N, C-alpha and C. Protein backbone atom coordinates (compact mmCIF):
# COMPACT_ATOMS: atom_id res chain seq x y z
N MET A 1 -3.37 -6.66 -34.01
CA MET A 1 -3.13 -8.08 -33.16
C MET A 1 -1.42 -7.77 -32.65
N SER A 2 -1.32 -8.70 -31.39
CA SER A 2 -0.35 -8.80 -30.93
C SER A 2 0.57 -9.83 -31.53
N ILE A 3 1.57 -9.25 -31.35
CA ILE A 3 2.91 -10.16 -32.34
C ILE A 3 3.65 -11.03 -31.17
N SER A 4 3.76 -12.01 -30.95
CA SER A 4 4.53 -13.27 -30.37
C SER A 4 5.86 -13.29 -30.73
N LEU A 5 6.60 -12.65 -29.52
CA LEU A 5 8.05 -12.54 -29.72
C LEU A 5 8.74 -13.99 -29.41
N GLN A 6 9.96 -13.95 -30.16
CA GLN A 6 10.83 -15.00 -29.76
C GLN A 6 11.99 -14.20 -29.15
N LYS A 7 13.36 -14.82 -28.83
CA LYS A 7 14.07 -14.91 -27.73
C LYS A 7 14.70 -13.82 -28.60
N GLY A 8 15.07 -12.74 -28.41
CA GLY A 8 16.46 -12.15 -29.69
C GLY A 8 15.62 -10.98 -30.31
N GLN A 9 14.34 -11.39 -30.60
CA GLN A 9 13.39 -10.49 -31.85
C GLN A 9 13.29 -8.97 -31.11
N LYS A 10 13.36 -8.05 -32.32
CA LYS A 10 13.12 -6.72 -32.01
C LYS A 10 11.65 -6.42 -33.08
N VAL A 11 11.21 -5.50 -32.34
CA VAL A 11 10.32 -5.05 -32.83
C VAL A 11 9.80 -3.53 -32.62
N SER A 12 9.63 -2.62 -33.72
CA SER A 12 8.97 -1.31 -33.35
C SER A 12 8.00 -1.01 -32.57
N LEU A 13 8.06 0.35 -31.68
CA LEU A 13 7.25 0.39 -30.87
C LEU A 13 6.28 2.00 -31.14
N THR A 14 6.80 2.32 -31.72
CA THR A 14 5.99 3.82 -32.32
C THR A 14 6.54 4.19 -33.61
N LYS A 15 6.70 3.17 -34.56
CA LYS A 15 5.65 3.17 -35.99
C LYS A 15 5.21 2.50 -36.48
N GLU A 16 5.22 2.20 -38.00
CA GLU A 16 4.16 0.96 -38.59
C GLU A 16 2.84 0.69 -38.13
N GLY A 17 2.14 1.99 -38.13
CA GLY A 17 0.55 2.31 -37.97
C GLY A 17 0.36 2.55 -36.31
N LYS A 18 1.56 2.58 -35.54
CA LYS A 18 1.34 3.05 -34.52
C LYS A 18 1.30 4.48 -34.23
N GLU A 19 0.98 5.31 -35.13
CA GLU A 19 1.18 6.82 -34.86
C GLU A 19 0.39 6.93 -33.92
N GLY A 20 1.30 8.10 -33.05
CA GLY A 20 0.23 8.59 -31.84
C GLY A 20 0.71 7.78 -30.32
N LEU A 21 1.44 6.75 -30.26
CA LEU A 21 1.68 5.86 -29.43
C LEU A 21 2.58 6.61 -28.85
N ASN A 22 2.10 6.84 -27.07
CA ASN A 22 2.81 7.79 -26.31
C ASN A 22 3.23 6.88 -25.22
N LYS A 23 2.19 6.13 -24.76
CA LYS A 23 2.44 5.60 -23.43
C LYS A 23 1.94 3.92 -23.79
N VAL A 24 2.89 3.24 -22.55
CA VAL A 24 3.07 2.00 -23.00
C VAL A 24 2.96 1.73 -21.59
N ILE A 25 2.01 0.55 -21.74
CA ILE A 25 2.47 -0.69 -20.17
C ILE A 25 3.28 -1.56 -20.36
N VAL A 26 4.42 -2.05 -19.54
CA VAL A 26 5.25 -3.17 -19.92
C VAL A 26 4.61 -3.80 -18.45
N GLY A 27 3.53 -5.11 -19.11
CA GLY A 27 3.54 -6.34 -17.69
C GLY A 27 4.27 -7.29 -17.74
N LEU A 28 4.34 -7.63 -16.44
CA LEU A 28 5.46 -8.68 -16.37
C LEU A 28 4.44 -9.68 -15.63
N GLY A 29 4.69 -10.72 -15.88
CA GLY A 29 3.75 -12.19 -15.26
C GLY A 29 4.32 -13.23 -14.89
N TRP A 30 3.92 -13.88 -13.72
CA TRP A 30 4.32 -15.37 -13.91
C TRP A 30 3.47 -15.53 -12.25
N ASP A 31 4.07 -17.46 -12.77
CA ASP A 31 3.11 -18.41 -11.82
C ASP A 31 4.26 -18.98 -10.90
N GLU A 32 3.98 -19.29 -9.63
CA GLU A 32 4.60 -20.19 -8.90
C GLU A 32 4.02 -21.59 -9.55
N ALA A 33 4.95 -22.43 -9.65
CA ALA A 33 4.76 -23.89 -10.36
C ALA A 33 4.37 -24.80 -9.33
N LYS A 34 3.66 -25.30 -9.74
CA LYS A 34 2.70 -26.33 -8.58
C LYS A 34 3.85 -27.62 -8.19
N PRO A 35 3.91 -27.50 -6.97
CA PRO A 35 4.51 -28.82 -6.63
C PRO A 35 3.82 -30.08 -7.00
N ALA A 36 4.91 -31.37 -7.57
CA ALA A 36 4.15 -32.45 -7.72
C ALA A 36 3.24 -32.83 -6.60
N SER A 37 2.24 -33.51 -6.41
CA SER A 37 1.24 -33.79 -5.17
C SER A 37 1.92 -35.62 -4.89
N LYS A 38 2.31 -35.50 -3.57
CA LYS A 38 2.75 -36.82 -2.96
C LYS A 38 1.17 -37.80 -2.81
N GLY A 39 0.33 -37.25 -2.83
CA GLY A 39 -0.54 -38.06 -2.44
C GLY A 39 -0.63 -38.80 -1.19
N GLY A 40 -2.23 -39.36 -1.06
CA GLY A 40 -2.16 -39.81 0.65
C GLY A 40 -2.43 -38.51 1.29
N LEU A 41 -2.48 -38.91 2.55
CA LEU A 41 -3.00 -38.03 4.10
C LEU A 41 -1.97 -36.68 4.02
N PHE A 42 -0.49 -37.31 3.98
CA PHE A 42 0.24 -35.80 4.49
C PHE A 42 0.22 -35.47 3.21
N GLY A 43 0.09 -36.13 1.83
CA GLY A 43 0.41 -35.00 0.92
C GLY A 43 -0.64 -34.23 0.65
N ALA A 44 -1.83 -34.37 1.14
CA ALA A 44 -3.23 -33.62 1.39
C ALA A 44 -2.81 -32.42 2.38
N LEU A 45 -2.12 -33.19 3.31
CA LEU A 45 -1.74 -32.07 4.46
C LEU A 45 -0.78 -30.66 4.21
N PHE A 46 -0.03 -31.09 3.55
CA PHE A 46 1.45 -30.49 2.74
C PHE A 46 1.30 -29.55 1.60
N SER A 47 0.42 -30.08 0.93
CA SER A 47 0.66 -29.47 -0.46
C SER A 47 0.78 -28.30 -0.34
N GLY A 48 -0.09 -27.66 0.52
CA GLY A 48 -0.18 -25.86 0.40
C GLY A 48 0.71 -25.06 1.47
N SER A 49 1.96 -26.24 1.36
CA SER A 49 2.61 -25.11 2.35
C SER A 49 3.56 -24.67 2.13
N ALA A 50 4.13 -24.63 0.55
CA ALA A 50 4.94 -24.13 -0.29
C ALA A 50 5.56 -22.57 0.24
N GLN A 51 6.54 -21.86 0.43
CA GLN A 51 6.15 -20.40 0.36
C GLN A 51 6.23 -20.17 -0.58
N ALA A 52 5.47 -18.82 -0.47
CA ALA A 52 5.25 -18.32 -1.86
C ALA A 52 6.43 -17.31 -2.38
N ILE A 53 6.38 -17.58 -3.79
CA ILE A 53 7.76 -16.88 -4.46
C ILE A 53 7.32 -14.94 -4.76
N ASP A 54 8.55 -13.96 -3.98
CA ASP A 54 8.26 -13.10 -4.29
C ASP A 54 9.07 -12.59 -5.40
N CYS A 55 8.64 -11.73 -6.45
CA CYS A 55 9.32 -11.70 -8.02
C CYS A 55 9.15 -10.12 -7.65
N ASP A 56 10.46 -9.74 -8.09
CA ASP A 56 10.40 -7.92 -8.06
C ASP A 56 10.48 -7.69 -9.57
N ALA A 57 9.94 -6.66 -10.06
CA ALA A 57 10.29 -6.22 -11.32
C ALA A 57 10.77 -4.85 -11.25
N SER A 58 11.70 -4.35 -12.18
CA SER A 58 12.57 -3.44 -12.01
C SER A 58 12.61 -2.62 -13.35
N ALA A 59 12.91 -1.54 -13.43
CA ALA A 59 13.33 -0.28 -15.05
C ALA A 59 14.65 0.15 -14.26
N LEU A 60 15.16 -0.28 -15.38
CA LEU A 60 16.86 0.38 -15.35
C LEU A 60 16.83 1.22 -16.71
N LEU A 61 17.02 2.53 -16.50
CA LEU A 61 16.82 3.78 -17.34
C LEU A 61 18.43 3.98 -17.62
N LEU A 62 19.20 3.67 -18.83
CA LEU A 62 20.66 3.52 -19.07
C LEU A 62 21.00 5.21 -19.79
N LYS A 63 21.83 5.47 -19.24
CA LYS A 63 22.66 6.74 -20.57
C LYS A 63 23.66 5.99 -21.05
N ASN A 64 23.82 6.00 -22.52
CA ASN A 64 24.82 5.30 -23.71
C ASN A 64 25.00 4.05 -22.90
N GLY A 65 23.89 3.07 -22.68
CA GLY A 65 24.28 2.11 -22.44
C GLY A 65 24.60 1.69 -20.70
N LYS A 66 24.58 3.10 -20.06
CA LYS A 66 25.06 2.35 -18.64
C LYS A 66 24.39 2.70 -17.85
N LEU A 67 24.26 2.28 -16.43
CA LEU A 67 23.17 2.89 -15.48
C LEU A 67 24.28 3.71 -14.52
N VAL A 68 23.91 5.12 -14.46
CA VAL A 68 25.21 6.13 -13.94
C VAL A 68 24.94 6.57 -12.62
N ASP A 69 23.38 5.82 -12.12
CA ASP A 69 22.56 7.07 -10.67
C ASP A 69 21.67 5.48 -10.26
N LYS A 70 21.79 5.43 -9.24
CA LYS A 70 20.71 4.70 -8.38
C LYS A 70 19.28 5.43 -8.54
N LYS A 71 19.44 7.07 -8.91
CA LYS A 71 18.02 7.22 -8.96
C LYS A 71 16.80 6.87 -10.48
N ASP A 72 17.87 6.00 -10.92
CA ASP A 72 17.73 5.45 -12.55
C ASP A 72 16.89 4.16 -12.47
N ILE A 73 17.09 3.87 -11.16
CA ILE A 73 16.43 2.43 -10.74
C ILE A 73 14.71 2.55 -10.73
N VAL A 74 13.66 2.11 -10.83
CA VAL A 74 12.71 2.33 -10.75
C VAL A 74 12.14 1.05 -10.31
N TYR A 75 11.96 0.85 -9.17
CA TYR A 75 11.34 -0.70 -8.60
C TYR A 75 10.39 0.03 -7.41
N PHE A 76 10.21 -1.68 -6.66
CA PHE A 76 9.28 -1.31 -5.50
C PHE A 76 9.66 -0.44 -4.61
N GLY A 77 11.20 -0.11 -4.31
CA GLY A 77 11.28 1.26 -3.29
C GLY A 77 11.54 2.72 -4.25
N ASN A 78 11.43 2.48 -5.39
CA ASN A 78 11.38 3.89 -5.93
C ASN A 78 10.55 4.15 -7.04
N LEU A 79 9.02 4.09 -6.77
CA LEU A 79 7.88 3.63 -7.69
C LEU A 79 7.90 4.59 -9.03
N GLN A 80 9.01 5.89 -8.72
CA GLN A 80 8.45 6.55 -10.02
C GLN A 80 9.89 7.23 -10.20
N HIS A 81 9.86 7.37 -11.56
CA HIS A 81 11.52 7.99 -12.06
C HIS A 81 11.35 9.43 -11.57
N TYR A 82 12.50 10.45 -11.35
CA TYR A 82 12.61 11.47 -11.37
C TYR A 82 11.85 12.70 -12.33
N SER A 83 11.99 12.03 -13.52
CA SER A 83 11.44 12.66 -14.69
C SER A 83 9.89 12.54 -14.70
N GLY A 84 9.26 11.88 -13.94
CA GLY A 84 7.84 11.32 -14.18
C GLY A 84 7.41 10.61 -15.13
N THR A 85 8.32 9.95 -15.73
CA THR A 85 8.11 9.36 -17.20
C THR A 85 7.93 7.82 -17.40
N VAL A 86 8.73 7.24 -16.10
CA VAL A 86 8.73 5.69 -15.84
C VAL A 86 8.13 5.77 -14.17
N LYS A 87 6.89 4.92 -14.43
CA LYS A 87 6.25 4.80 -13.05
C LYS A 87 6.01 3.20 -13.01
N HIS A 88 6.41 2.32 -11.59
CA HIS A 88 5.94 1.75 -11.35
C HIS A 88 4.72 1.43 -10.76
N MET A 89 3.65 0.68 -10.92
CA MET A 89 2.60 0.60 -10.29
C MET A 89 2.24 -0.29 -8.90
N GLY A 90 3.13 -0.85 -8.75
CA GLY A 90 3.12 -1.45 -6.89
C GLY A 90 3.67 -2.85 -6.97
N ASP A 91 4.34 -3.31 -5.92
CA ASP A 91 4.88 -4.51 -5.82
C ASP A 91 3.43 -5.80 -5.52
N ASN A 92 3.94 -6.75 -6.34
CA ASN A 92 2.80 -7.91 -6.01
C ASN A 92 3.92 -9.29 -5.59
N LEU A 93 3.40 -9.29 -4.16
CA LEU A 93 4.30 -10.38 -3.44
C LEU A 93 4.12 -11.91 -3.47
N THR A 94 3.39 -12.18 -4.38
CA THR A 94 2.96 -13.97 -4.41
C THR A 94 3.29 -14.10 -6.20
N GLY A 95 2.47 -13.04 -7.23
CA GLY A 95 2.76 -13.92 -8.44
C GLY A 95 1.11 -14.67 -8.51
N ALA A 96 0.20 -14.62 -7.46
CA ALA A 96 -0.86 -15.51 -7.94
C ALA A 96 -1.85 -14.65 -9.02
N GLY A 97 -2.80 -15.62 -9.52
CA GLY A 97 -3.84 -14.86 -10.47
C GLY A 97 -3.22 -14.65 -11.69
N GLU A 98 -4.24 -13.97 -12.49
CA GLU A 98 -4.28 -14.10 -14.04
C GLU A 98 -3.84 -12.66 -14.03
N GLY A 99 -3.43 -12.60 -15.27
CA GLY A 99 -2.75 -11.15 -16.23
C GLY A 99 -1.54 -10.94 -15.67
N ASP A 100 -0.97 -9.35 -15.82
CA ASP A 100 0.05 -9.06 -15.14
C ASP A 100 -0.01 -9.38 -13.79
N ASP A 101 1.57 -9.76 -13.36
CA ASP A 101 1.68 -9.44 -11.72
C ASP A 101 1.93 -7.93 -11.15
N GLU A 102 3.07 -7.55 -12.12
CA GLU A 102 3.41 -6.31 -11.96
C GLU A 102 3.41 -5.45 -13.47
N GLN A 103 3.32 -4.11 -13.48
CA GLN A 103 3.20 -3.28 -14.71
C GLN A 103 4.30 -1.82 -14.27
N ILE A 104 4.62 -1.77 -15.20
CA ILE A 104 5.45 -0.52 -15.64
C ILE A 104 5.02 0.63 -16.31
N VAL A 105 4.69 1.66 -15.94
CA VAL A 105 3.97 2.41 -17.42
C VAL A 105 5.32 3.42 -17.73
N ILE A 106 5.35 3.51 -19.22
CA ILE A 106 6.40 4.61 -19.75
C ILE A 106 5.43 5.67 -20.80
N GLU A 107 6.03 6.90 -20.69
CA GLU A 107 5.42 7.77 -21.52
C GLU A 107 6.78 8.22 -22.39
N LEU A 108 6.56 7.02 -23.30
CA LEU A 108 7.74 7.06 -24.39
C LEU A 108 8.56 8.16 -25.18
N ASN A 109 7.34 9.41 -25.02
CA ASN A 109 7.98 10.81 -26.03
C ASN A 109 8.41 11.74 -25.05
N ARG A 110 8.45 11.48 -23.57
CA ARG A 110 8.77 12.38 -22.65
C ARG A 110 9.64 11.51 -22.29
N VAL A 111 10.43 10.86 -22.20
CA VAL A 111 11.72 10.18 -21.34
C VAL A 111 13.12 10.78 -22.07
N PRO A 112 13.15 11.80 -20.94
CA PRO A 112 14.53 12.55 -21.74
C PRO A 112 15.74 11.73 -22.60
N GLY A 113 15.73 13.03 -23.19
CA GLY A 113 16.90 12.17 -24.43
C GLY A 113 18.09 11.90 -24.36
N GLU A 114 18.58 12.38 -22.39
CA GLU A 114 19.94 11.64 -22.47
C GLU A 114 19.87 9.92 -22.07
N TYR A 115 18.65 8.98 -21.97
CA TYR A 115 18.62 8.06 -21.79
C TYR A 115 17.99 7.32 -23.38
N ASP A 116 18.96 6.02 -23.40
CA ASP A 116 18.85 5.65 -24.41
C ASP A 116 18.33 4.35 -25.03
N ARG A 117 17.87 3.76 -23.33
CA ARG A 117 17.57 2.20 -23.19
C ARG A 117 16.87 2.39 -21.73
N ILE A 118 15.93 1.56 -21.63
CA ILE A 118 15.12 1.04 -20.43
C ILE A 118 15.08 -0.67 -20.44
N VAL A 119 15.95 -0.89 -19.20
CA VAL A 119 16.01 -2.34 -19.26
C VAL A 119 14.99 -2.79 -18.04
N PHE A 120 14.16 -4.26 -18.72
CA PHE A 120 13.40 -4.40 -17.52
C PHE A 120 13.69 -6.09 -17.13
N VAL A 121 13.70 -5.98 -15.78
CA VAL A 121 14.52 -6.97 -15.17
C VAL A 121 13.46 -7.38 -14.07
N VAL A 122 13.64 -8.92 -13.62
CA VAL A 122 13.19 -9.53 -12.28
C VAL A 122 13.78 -9.95 -11.53
N ASN A 123 13.88 -10.22 -10.34
CA ASN A 123 14.66 -10.87 -9.08
C ASN A 123 13.55 -11.31 -8.25
N ILE A 124 14.44 -12.44 -7.56
CA ILE A 124 13.51 -12.87 -6.12
C ILE A 124 14.11 -12.29 -5.23
N TYR A 125 13.00 -12.10 -4.65
CA TYR A 125 13.19 -11.39 -3.29
C TYR A 125 13.56 -12.35 -2.50
N GLN A 126 15.11 -12.22 -1.69
CA GLN A 126 15.13 -12.95 -1.11
C GLN A 126 15.84 -14.54 -1.24
N ALA A 127 15.99 -14.47 -2.56
CA ALA A 127 16.29 -15.81 -3.25
C ALA A 127 17.07 -16.71 -2.25
N MET A 128 18.45 -15.94 -2.08
CA MET A 128 19.24 -16.91 -1.51
C MET A 128 18.98 -17.54 0.21
N GLN A 129 18.37 -16.43 0.63
CA GLN A 129 17.46 -17.46 1.96
C GLN A 129 16.62 -17.91 2.04
N ARG A 130 15.73 -17.77 1.00
CA ARG A 130 14.38 -18.41 0.90
C ARG A 130 14.63 -20.16 -0.09
N ARG A 131 16.12 -19.60 -0.49
CA ARG A 131 16.48 -20.74 -1.63
C ARG A 131 15.14 -21.07 -2.32
N GLN A 132 15.11 -19.61 -3.48
CA GLN A 132 14.03 -20.22 -4.54
C GLN A 132 14.91 -19.76 -5.73
N HIS A 133 14.46 -20.18 -6.80
CA HIS A 133 15.08 -20.21 -8.30
C HIS A 133 13.68 -19.68 -9.31
N PHE A 134 13.61 -19.61 -10.37
CA PHE A 134 13.22 -19.63 -11.53
C PHE A 134 12.60 -20.58 -12.11
N GLY A 135 13.06 -22.31 -11.61
CA GLY A 135 12.65 -22.65 -11.68
C GLY A 135 11.56 -23.55 -11.08
N MET A 136 11.44 -22.57 -10.26
CA MET A 136 9.98 -22.91 -9.06
C MET A 136 9.14 -21.88 -10.34
N ILE A 137 9.37 -21.34 -10.83
CA ILE A 137 8.51 -20.58 -11.64
C ILE A 137 7.79 -20.99 -13.20
N GLN A 138 6.46 -20.92 -13.44
CA GLN A 138 6.11 -20.99 -14.60
C GLN A 138 5.24 -19.92 -15.18
N ASN A 139 5.04 -19.84 -16.56
CA ASN A 139 4.46 -18.98 -17.54
C ASN A 139 5.08 -17.63 -16.99
N ALA A 140 5.96 -17.37 -17.11
CA ALA A 140 6.98 -16.07 -17.21
C ALA A 140 6.63 -15.45 -18.41
N PHE A 141 6.41 -14.09 -18.69
CA PHE A 141 6.27 -13.09 -19.50
C PHE A 141 6.23 -11.77 -19.55
N ILE A 142 6.58 -11.34 -20.70
CA ILE A 142 6.79 -10.12 -20.84
C ILE A 142 6.01 -9.41 -21.82
N ARG A 143 5.10 -8.00 -21.60
CA ARG A 143 3.93 -7.84 -22.87
C ARG A 143 3.82 -6.01 -22.70
N ILE A 144 3.81 -5.75 -24.18
CA ILE A 144 4.01 -4.45 -24.19
C ILE A 144 2.14 -4.21 -24.55
N VAL A 145 2.31 -2.87 -23.73
CA VAL A 145 0.13 -2.57 -24.03
C VAL A 145 0.20 -1.61 -24.62
N ASP A 146 -0.38 -1.01 -25.25
CA ASP A 146 -0.75 0.83 -25.92
C ASP A 146 -1.86 1.19 -24.67
N ALA A 147 -1.19 1.88 -23.60
CA ALA A 147 -2.10 2.22 -22.77
C ALA A 147 -3.37 3.31 -23.51
N ARG A 148 -3.50 3.50 -24.41
CA ARG A 148 -4.51 4.46 -24.53
C ARG A 148 -5.83 3.40 -24.91
N ASN A 149 -5.83 2.39 -25.15
CA ASN A 149 -6.94 1.23 -25.32
C ASN A 149 -6.42 0.00 -24.89
N GLY A 150 -5.55 -0.49 -24.04
CA GLY A 150 -5.12 -1.57 -23.63
C GLY A 150 -5.18 -2.66 -24.45
N GLN A 151 -4.42 -2.55 -25.83
CA GLN A 151 -4.54 -3.25 -26.88
C GLN A 151 -3.03 -3.70 -26.57
N GLU A 152 -3.13 -5.17 -26.67
CA GLU A 152 -1.48 -5.85 -26.42
C GLU A 152 -0.94 -5.58 -27.73
N LEU A 153 0.46 -5.06 -27.98
CA LEU A 153 1.51 -4.87 -29.33
C LEU A 153 1.93 -6.25 -29.27
N CYS A 154 2.62 -6.88 -28.47
CA CYS A 154 3.48 -7.75 -28.47
C CYS A 154 3.89 -8.49 -26.97
N LYS A 155 4.59 -9.61 -26.89
CA LYS A 155 4.61 -10.61 -25.64
C LYS A 155 5.46 -11.43 -26.45
N PHE A 156 6.40 -11.42 -24.97
CA PHE A 156 7.30 -12.47 -25.50
C PHE A 156 7.27 -13.47 -23.99
N ASN A 157 6.87 -14.90 -24.31
CA ASN A 157 7.06 -16.07 -23.20
C ASN A 157 7.77 -16.77 -23.02
N LEU A 158 8.64 -16.66 -21.54
CA LEU A 158 10.22 -17.46 -21.21
C LEU A 158 9.60 -18.78 -21.16
N SER A 159 10.50 -19.55 -22.04
CA SER A 159 9.64 -21.12 -21.75
C SER A 159 11.05 -22.22 -21.42
N GLU A 160 12.23 -21.60 -21.36
CA GLU A 160 13.11 -22.25 -21.26
C GLU A 160 13.15 -22.67 -19.45
N ASN A 161 14.12 -23.64 -19.52
CA ASN A 161 14.24 -24.14 -17.90
C ASN A 161 15.43 -23.12 -17.05
N TYR A 162 14.24 -22.66 -16.17
CA TYR A 162 15.37 -21.46 -15.16
C TYR A 162 16.30 -22.04 -14.28
N ASP A 163 16.07 -23.29 -13.89
CA ASP A 163 16.75 -23.80 -12.71
C ASP A 163 18.13 -23.30 -12.10
N GLY A 164 17.74 -22.75 -10.85
CA GLY A 164 19.16 -22.23 -10.10
C GLY A 164 19.36 -20.90 -10.77
N MET A 165 18.58 -20.22 -11.36
CA MET A 165 19.09 -18.97 -12.22
C MET A 165 17.76 -18.23 -10.70
N THR A 166 18.34 -16.57 -10.25
CA THR A 166 17.78 -16.39 -9.11
C THR A 166 16.99 -14.92 -9.83
N ALA A 167 17.59 -14.30 -11.18
CA ALA A 167 17.26 -13.13 -11.68
C ALA A 167 16.98 -13.03 -13.30
N MET A 168 16.37 -12.46 -13.88
CA MET A 168 16.09 -12.52 -15.39
C MET A 168 15.80 -10.92 -16.00
N ILE A 169 16.75 -10.95 -16.97
CA ILE A 169 16.65 -10.10 -17.66
C ILE A 169 15.75 -10.25 -19.06
N PHE A 170 14.11 -9.06 -18.81
CA PHE A 170 13.35 -9.95 -19.47
C PHE A 170 13.56 -9.40 -20.88
N GLY A 171 13.68 -7.66 -21.07
CA GLY A 171 13.59 -7.30 -22.01
C GLY A 171 14.22 -5.63 -21.63
N GLU A 172 13.97 -5.09 -23.24
CA GLU A 172 14.56 -3.51 -23.19
C GLU A 172 14.02 -3.05 -24.40
N ALA A 173 13.30 -1.48 -23.71
CA ALA A 173 12.90 -1.08 -24.95
C ALA A 173 13.76 0.27 -24.95
N TYR A 174 14.60 0.36 -26.32
CA TYR A 174 15.63 1.28 -26.70
C TYR A 174 15.06 2.40 -27.55
N ARG A 175 16.09 3.55 -27.89
CA ARG A 175 16.01 4.72 -28.80
C ARG A 175 16.92 4.24 -30.31
N HIS A 176 16.18 4.45 -31.26
CA HIS A 176 17.19 3.90 -32.57
C HIS A 176 16.42 4.53 -33.87
N ASN A 177 16.91 5.83 -34.19
CA ASN A 177 16.95 6.67 -34.97
C ASN A 177 15.58 7.16 -34.82
N ASP A 178 15.49 7.97 -33.22
CA ASP A 178 14.19 8.31 -33.20
C ASP A 178 13.11 7.86 -33.31
N GLU A 179 13.26 6.59 -33.00
CA GLU A 179 12.39 5.45 -32.90
C GLU A 179 11.99 4.86 -31.97
N TRP A 180 11.44 4.13 -30.91
CA TRP A 180 11.42 3.45 -29.67
C TRP A 180 11.74 2.25 -30.44
N LYS A 181 11.93 1.14 -29.63
CA LYS A 181 11.70 -0.29 -30.27
C LYS A 181 11.62 -1.37 -29.03
N PHE A 182 11.86 -2.78 -29.22
CA PHE A 182 11.94 -3.46 -27.65
C PHE A 182 12.33 -4.71 -28.51
N ASN A 183 13.36 -5.41 -27.69
CA ASN A 183 13.84 -6.46 -28.05
C ASN A 183 14.01 -7.27 -26.69
N ALA A 184 13.21 -8.49 -27.19
CA ALA A 184 13.07 -9.42 -26.21
C ALA A 184 14.36 -10.04 -26.13
N ILE A 185 15.15 -10.69 -24.67
CA ILE A 185 15.94 -11.00 -24.23
C ILE A 185 16.14 -12.13 -23.26
N GLY A 186 15.39 -12.10 -22.37
CA GLY A 186 15.47 -13.56 -21.84
C GLY A 186 16.66 -14.26 -21.09
N GLN A 187 17.37 -13.23 -20.88
CA GLN A 187 18.60 -13.82 -20.36
C GLN A 187 18.41 -14.22 -18.60
N ALA A 188 18.74 -15.63 -18.17
CA ALA A 188 18.81 -15.71 -16.74
C ALA A 188 19.93 -15.61 -16.38
N THR A 189 20.15 -14.98 -14.68
CA THR A 189 21.22 -14.75 -14.07
C THR A 189 21.20 -15.50 -12.71
N LYS A 190 22.69 -15.55 -11.84
CA LYS A 190 22.44 -16.12 -10.69
C LYS A 190 22.43 -15.32 -9.60
N ASP A 191 22.42 -13.76 -10.20
CA ASP A 191 22.39 -12.57 -9.26
C ASP A 191 21.39 -12.34 -8.00
N PRO A 192 22.08 -12.33 -6.93
CA PRO A 192 21.35 -12.77 -5.51
C PRO A 192 20.34 -11.65 -5.24
N ALA A 193 20.44 -10.49 -5.70
CA ALA A 193 19.69 -9.31 -5.39
C ALA A 193 19.87 -7.86 -6.45
N LEU A 194 19.06 -7.31 -6.33
CA LEU A 194 18.98 -6.43 -7.57
C LEU A 194 19.74 -5.66 -7.66
N ILE A 195 20.60 -5.14 -6.67
CA ILE A 195 21.61 -4.92 -6.67
C ILE A 195 22.76 -5.19 -7.43
N ASP A 196 22.94 -6.81 -7.25
CA ASP A 196 24.09 -7.48 -8.27
C ASP A 196 23.67 -7.29 -9.43
N LEU A 197 22.42 -7.20 -10.04
CA LEU A 197 21.78 -7.62 -11.22
C LEU A 197 21.91 -6.07 -11.74
N CYS A 198 22.05 -4.67 -11.12
CA CYS A 198 22.42 -3.69 -12.06
C CYS A 198 23.90 -3.41 -11.78
N LYS A 199 24.36 -3.90 -11.39
CA LYS A 199 26.32 -4.02 -11.30
C LYS A 199 26.41 -4.76 -13.33
N ARG A 200 25.72 -5.31 -13.68
CA ARG A 200 26.08 -5.51 -14.80
C ARG A 200 25.77 -4.36 -15.69
N PHE A 201 25.17 -3.17 -15.56
CA PHE A 201 24.60 -2.58 -16.22
C PHE A 201 25.65 -1.19 -16.13
N MET A 202 26.17 -1.51 -15.32
CA MET A 202 27.45 -0.16 -14.47
C MET A 202 28.44 0.07 -15.28
């Protein structure tokens, strides 16, 4: 049964009855908030004219809690970590539809030992130029799925008001005493681009 996480809650990924769990899918999802209908003829004409919001999910592989090399950023421009253990399944440009909008697959047992933490972040592409922010997004979540059978292990729904925020540190997987755990973070930032978000971990 899936665990519904609260902000700051931690859960084990590789013990407590999860023996053999080596590969997980990190699913991230969001929906564009529906603008308030203005009604009338003009409302009907222009209600569908809102610009699509392109959110980009990325995984940052940290050594001793630090991002030390750009090759350790897995995102739409670098879909696979050089070790082959972290793979981004591709960019979703709109966030439309049900379920995960973007997925990152991790082979936990094969992640090189020097990496102690994998942070999952999402930023709005060209947020400043498009004047977009997370207050224009709803139903945002991050979930962990057992890749062997598609079973959802845990899910963290972001429910706070994120007006004016352009990026989000969703959560992190980290090693602790030879086991992998997941930490639900949900920290919003005003970083305008992925590179600015990455600087927080350098």
